[in-house]
N, C-alpha and C. Protein backbone atom coordinates (compact mmCIF):
# COMPACT_ATOMS: atom_id res chain seq x y z
N MET A 1 3.46 -1.93 -12.70
CA MET A 1 2.36 -2.17 -12.25
C MET A 1 2.38 -2.76 -11.23
N VAL A 2 3.25 -3.37 -11.08
CA VAL A 2 3.20 -4.18 -9.22
C VAL A 2 3.11 -3.02 -8.09
N THR A 3 3.64 -2.11 -8.71
CA THR A 3 4.21 -0.25 -7.75
C THR A 3 1.96 0.10 -7.88
N PHE A 4 2.25 0.11 -9.27
CA PHE A 4 0.55 0.66 -9.80
C PHE A 4 -0.27 -0.64 -8.56
N SER A 5 -0.88 -1.30 -8.73
CA SER A 5 -1.41 -2.68 -7.75
C SER A 5 -1.55 -1.80 -6.44
N PHE A 6 0.29 -2.33 -5.99
CA PHE A 6 0.05 -2.15 -4.57
C PHE A 6 -0.86 -0.61 -3.96
N LEU A 7 -0.64 0.77 -4.65
CA LEU A 7 -1.05 1.39 -4.49
C LEU A 7 -2.71 1.62 -4.63
N ALA A 8 -2.98 0.90 -5.64
CA ALA A 8 -4.42 0.80 -5.93
C ALA A 8 -4.97 -0.08 -4.79
N VAL A 9 -4.49 -1.36 -4.53
CA VAL A 9 -5.12 -1.97 -3.19
C VAL A 9 -5.15 -1.21 -1.89
N PHE A 10 -3.70 -0.91 -1.33
CA PHE A 10 -3.77 -0.17 -0.30
C PHE A 10 -5.08 0.97 0.05
N MET A 11 -4.68 2.15 -0.88
CA MET A 11 -6.07 3.24 -1.54
C MET A 11 -7.69 2.59 -1.96
N LEU A 12 -7.82 1.20 -2.04
CA LEU A 12 -9.00 1.01 -1.93
C LEU A 12 -9.64 0.28 -0.90
N LEU A 13 -8.65 -0.97 0.03
CA LEU A 13 -8.84 -0.88 0.95
C LEU A 13 -8.58 -0.20 2.36
N GLY A 14 -8.62 1.11 2.13
CA GLY A 14 -8.47 2.12 3.09
C GLY A 14 -9.70 2.71 3.15
N SER A 15 -9.75 3.07 2.03
CA SER A 15 -11.77 4.06 1.83
C SER A 15 -12.24 2.40 2.29
N LEU A 16 -12.83 1.56 2.10
CA LEU A 16 -13.32 0.60 2.70
C LEU A 16 -13.36 0.53 4.05
N VAL A 17 -12.67 0.92 4.80
CA VAL A 17 -12.22 0.85 5.85
C VAL A 17 -12.60 2.11 6.62
N ILE A 18 -12.36 2.98 5.84
CA ILE A 18 -13.13 4.38 6.52
C ILE A 18 -14.98 4.27 5.86
N PHE A 19 -15.11 4.51 5.25
CA PHE A 19 -16.91 3.88 4.76
C PHE A 19 -17.19 2.81 6.22
N ILE A 20 -16.67 1.51 6.01
CA ILE A 20 -17.32 0.98 6.85
C ILE A 20 -17.32 1.50 8.41
N ASP A 21 -16.29 2.48 8.87
CA ASP A 21 -16.23 2.83 10.24
C ASP A 21 -17.50 4.19 10.14
N THR A 22 -17.71 4.97 9.08
CA THR A 22 -18.72 5.99 9.14
C THR A 22 -19.70 5.64 9.17
N LEU A 23 -20.24 4.29 8.73
CA LEU A 23 -21.81 3.42 8.96
C LEU A 23 -21.67 2.80 10.22
N LEU A 24 -20.69 2.33 10.77
CA LEU A 24 -20.73 1.98 12.32
C LEU A 24 -20.60 2.54 12.89
N PHE A 25 -19.49 3.60 13.02
CA PHE A 25 -19.16 5.17 14.34
C PHE A 25 -20.14 6.20 14.17
N HIS A 26 -21.17 6.19 13.33
CA HIS A 26 -21.29 7.12 12.47
C HIS A 26 -20.58 8.41 13.08
N TYR A 27 -19.35 8.61 12.05
CA TYR A 27 -18.47 9.52 12.44
C TYR A 27 -18.46 9.82 10.99
N SER A 28 -18.28 11.01 11.33
CA SER A 28 -17.83 11.69 9.37
C SER A 28 -16.79 11.29 9.15
N PHE A 29 -16.77 11.72 7.44
CA PHE A 29 -15.71 11.09 6.30
C PHE A 29 -14.40 11.50 6.71
N MET A 30 -14.66 13.00 6.88
CA MET A 30 -13.03 13.74 7.38
C MET A 30 -12.50 13.14 8.92
N GLU A 31 -14.09 12.92 9.78
CA GLU A 31 -13.11 12.05 11.40
C GLU A 31 -12.69 11.29 10.97
N THR A 32 -13.39 10.50 10.17
CA THR A 32 -12.41 8.93 10.55
C THR A 32 -11.50 8.86 9.56
N ALA A 33 -11.46 9.56 8.72
CA ALA A 33 -9.99 9.37 7.97
C ALA A 33 -8.54 10.22 8.85
N MET A 34 -8.68 11.01 9.36
CA MET A 34 -7.95 11.50 10.20
C MET A 34 -7.87 10.98 11.45
N ASN A 35 -8.50 9.74 11.68
CA ASN A 35 -7.88 8.58 12.76
C ASN A 35 -7.39 7.45 12.41
N MET A 36 -7.87 7.59 11.34
CA MET A 36 -6.82 6.14 10.27
C MET A 36 -5.19 6.52 10.05
N PHE A 37 -5.20 7.50 9.69
CA PHE A 37 -4.11 7.82 9.62
C PHE A 37 -2.93 8.80 10.27
N TYR A 38 -3.75 8.69 11.35
CA TYR A 38 -3.15 9.63 12.75
C TYR A 38 -2.09 8.49 13.68
N PHE A 39 -1.08 9.11 13.41
CA PHE A 39 0.54 8.16 13.35
C PHE A 39 0.75 8.73 15.21
N GLN A 40 0.74 7.53 15.64
CA GLN A 40 1.16 7.00 17.24
C GLN A 40 2.18 6.56 16.95
N LEU A 41 3.28 6.35 17.70
CA LEU A 41 4.19 4.91 18.21
C LEU A 41 3.69 4.30 18.72
N THR A 42 2.57 3.80 18.81
CA THR A 42 1.78 2.29 19.64
C THR A 42 2.59 0.94 18.86
N GLU A 43 2.38 0.44 19.02
CA GLU A 43 2.77 -0.93 18.12
C GLU A 43 2.29 -1.34 16.94
N ASP A 44 0.44 -1.33 17.66
CA ASP A 44 -0.12 -1.92 16.37
C ASP A 44 -0.16 -0.67 14.73
N LYS A 45 0.21 0.74 15.20
CA LYS A 45 0.39 1.60 14.12
C LYS A 45 1.47 1.52 13.37
N LEU A 46 2.52 1.34 14.60
CA LEU A 46 3.99 0.99 13.78
C LEU A 46 4.01 -0.09 13.06
N ILE A 47 3.82 -1.34 13.39
CA ILE A 47 3.78 -2.48 12.73
C ILE A 47 3.13 -2.50 11.26
N LEU A 48 1.44 -1.74 11.00
CA LEU A 48 1.07 -0.96 10.46
C LEU A 48 1.83 -0.22 9.38
N ALA A 49 1.79 0.49 9.89
CA ALA A 49 3.42 2.05 8.77
C ALA A 49 4.15 0.90 8.46
N LEU A 50 4.73 0.25 9.17
CA LEU A 50 6.40 -0.51 8.55
C LEU A 50 5.86 -1.88 7.66
N MET A 51 4.91 -2.62 7.66
CA MET A 51 4.79 -3.25 6.53
C MET A 51 4.17 -2.45 5.29
N GLY A 52 3.25 -1.37 4.74
CA GLY A 52 2.69 -0.51 3.93
C GLY A 52 3.80 -0.51 3.98
N ILE A 53 5.55 0.69 4.36
CA ILE A 53 6.22 0.70 3.26
C ILE A 53 7.05 -0.26 2.61
N CYS A 54 7.72 -1.52 4.23
CA CYS A 54 8.17 -2.47 3.55
C CYS A 54 7.76 -3.24 2.07
N GLY A 55 5.94 -2.65 1.99
CA GLY A 55 5.46 -3.63 0.58
C GLY A 55 5.45 -2.50 -0.20
N MET A 56 5.64 -1.41 -0.26
CA MET A 56 5.74 -0.29 -1.38
C MET A 56 7.15 -0.55 -1.55
N ILE A 57 8.56 -0.50 -1.02
CA ILE A 57 9.48 -0.86 -1.44
C ILE A 57 9.91 -1.81 -2.04
N TRP A 58 9.29 -3.02 -1.75
CA TRP A 58 9.09 -4.08 -2.34
C TRP A 58 8.46 -4.49 -4.39
N ALA A 59 7.15 -3.09 -3.61
CA ALA A 59 6.40 -3.54 -5.02
C ALA A 59 7.68 -2.89 -5.92
N ILE A 60 8.30 -1.25 -5.37
CA ILE A 60 9.21 -0.55 -6.86
C ILE A 60 10.25 -1.67 -6.55
N VAL A 61 11.13 -2.28 -6.40
CA VAL A 61 12.10 -3.45 -6.52
C VAL A 61 11.37 -4.68 -7.50
N VAL A 62 10.40 -5.07 -7.49
CA VAL A 62 9.78 -5.98 -8.44
C VAL A 62 9.65 -5.39 -9.64
N ASP A 63 9.25 -3.83 -9.69
CA ASP A 63 8.96 -3.21 -11.09
C ASP A 63 10.50 -3.25 -11.52
N VAL A 64 11.04 -2.65 -11.73
CA VAL A 64 12.89 -2.27 -11.96
C VAL A 64 13.83 -3.60 -11.92
N ARG A 65 13.04 -4.92 -11.27
CA ARG A 65 13.08 -5.74 -11.66
C ARG A 65 12.58 -6.50 -13.12
N ARG A 66 11.55 -6.03 -13.10
CA ARG A 66 10.55 -6.20 -14.59
C ARG A 66 11.47 -5.48 -15.46
N LYS A 67 11.55 -4.57 -15.29
CA LYS A 67 12.03 -3.21 -16.21
C LYS A 67 13.00 -3.65 -17.04
N ARG A 68 14.35 -4.08 -15.89
CA ARG A 68 15.31 -4.04 -16.15
C ARG A 68 15.68 -5.62 -17.36
N LYS A 69 14.72 -6.62 -16.90
CA LYS A 69 14.38 -8.08 -17.64
C LYS A 69 14.03 -7.87 -19.46
N LYS A 70 12.75 -6.57 -19.09
CA LYS A 70 12.74 -6.76 -19.99
C LYS A 70 13.30 -5.65 -21.61
N GLY A 71 14.07 -4.93 -20.25
CA GLY A 71 15.12 -3.61 -21.41
C GLY A 71 16.29 -4.78 -22.15
N ASN A 72 16.68 -6.26 -21.47
CA ASN A 72 17.46 -6.70 -21.73
C ASN A 72 17.47 -8.18 -21.61
N PRO A 73 16.71 -8.24 -22.85
CA PRO A 73 16.30 -9.78 -22.30
C PRO A 73 17.50 -10.84 -22.76
N GLU A 74 17.68 -12.01 -22.09
CA GLU A 74 18.97 -13.05 -21.85
C GLU A 74 18.78 -13.53 -23.47
N GLN A 75 19.90 -13.90 -23.88
CA GLN A 75 19.77 -14.44 -24.79
C GLN A 75 20.22 -15.87 -24.96
N PRO A 76 19.06 -16.95 -25.40
CA PRO A 76 19.21 -18.53 -25.25
C PRO A 76 20.80 -18.92 -25.15
N HIS A 77 21.19 -19.55 -24.64
CA HIS A 77 22.26 -20.59 -24.92
C HIS A 77 22.52 -21.59 -26.20
N SER A 78 23.08 -21.83 -27.02
CA SER A 78 23.35 -22.19 -27.98
C SER A 78 23.82 -23.87 -27.79
């Protein structure tokens, strides 16, 4: 569920940025989307990509941990 939430927030914020850019700069939707996801090895885009990848990996790790804990609940100590 954490992974789904991460992807949903990432996609919604990305679509919001694309929508705002189309209104402000009068570009087409596809042109704005291509500019947003066009990858160059500059510091800003590299940092953004690494943070997105780290967030996705962390969301998967949290989901796996929650699923393992749900499948094997700890027994209360007597």
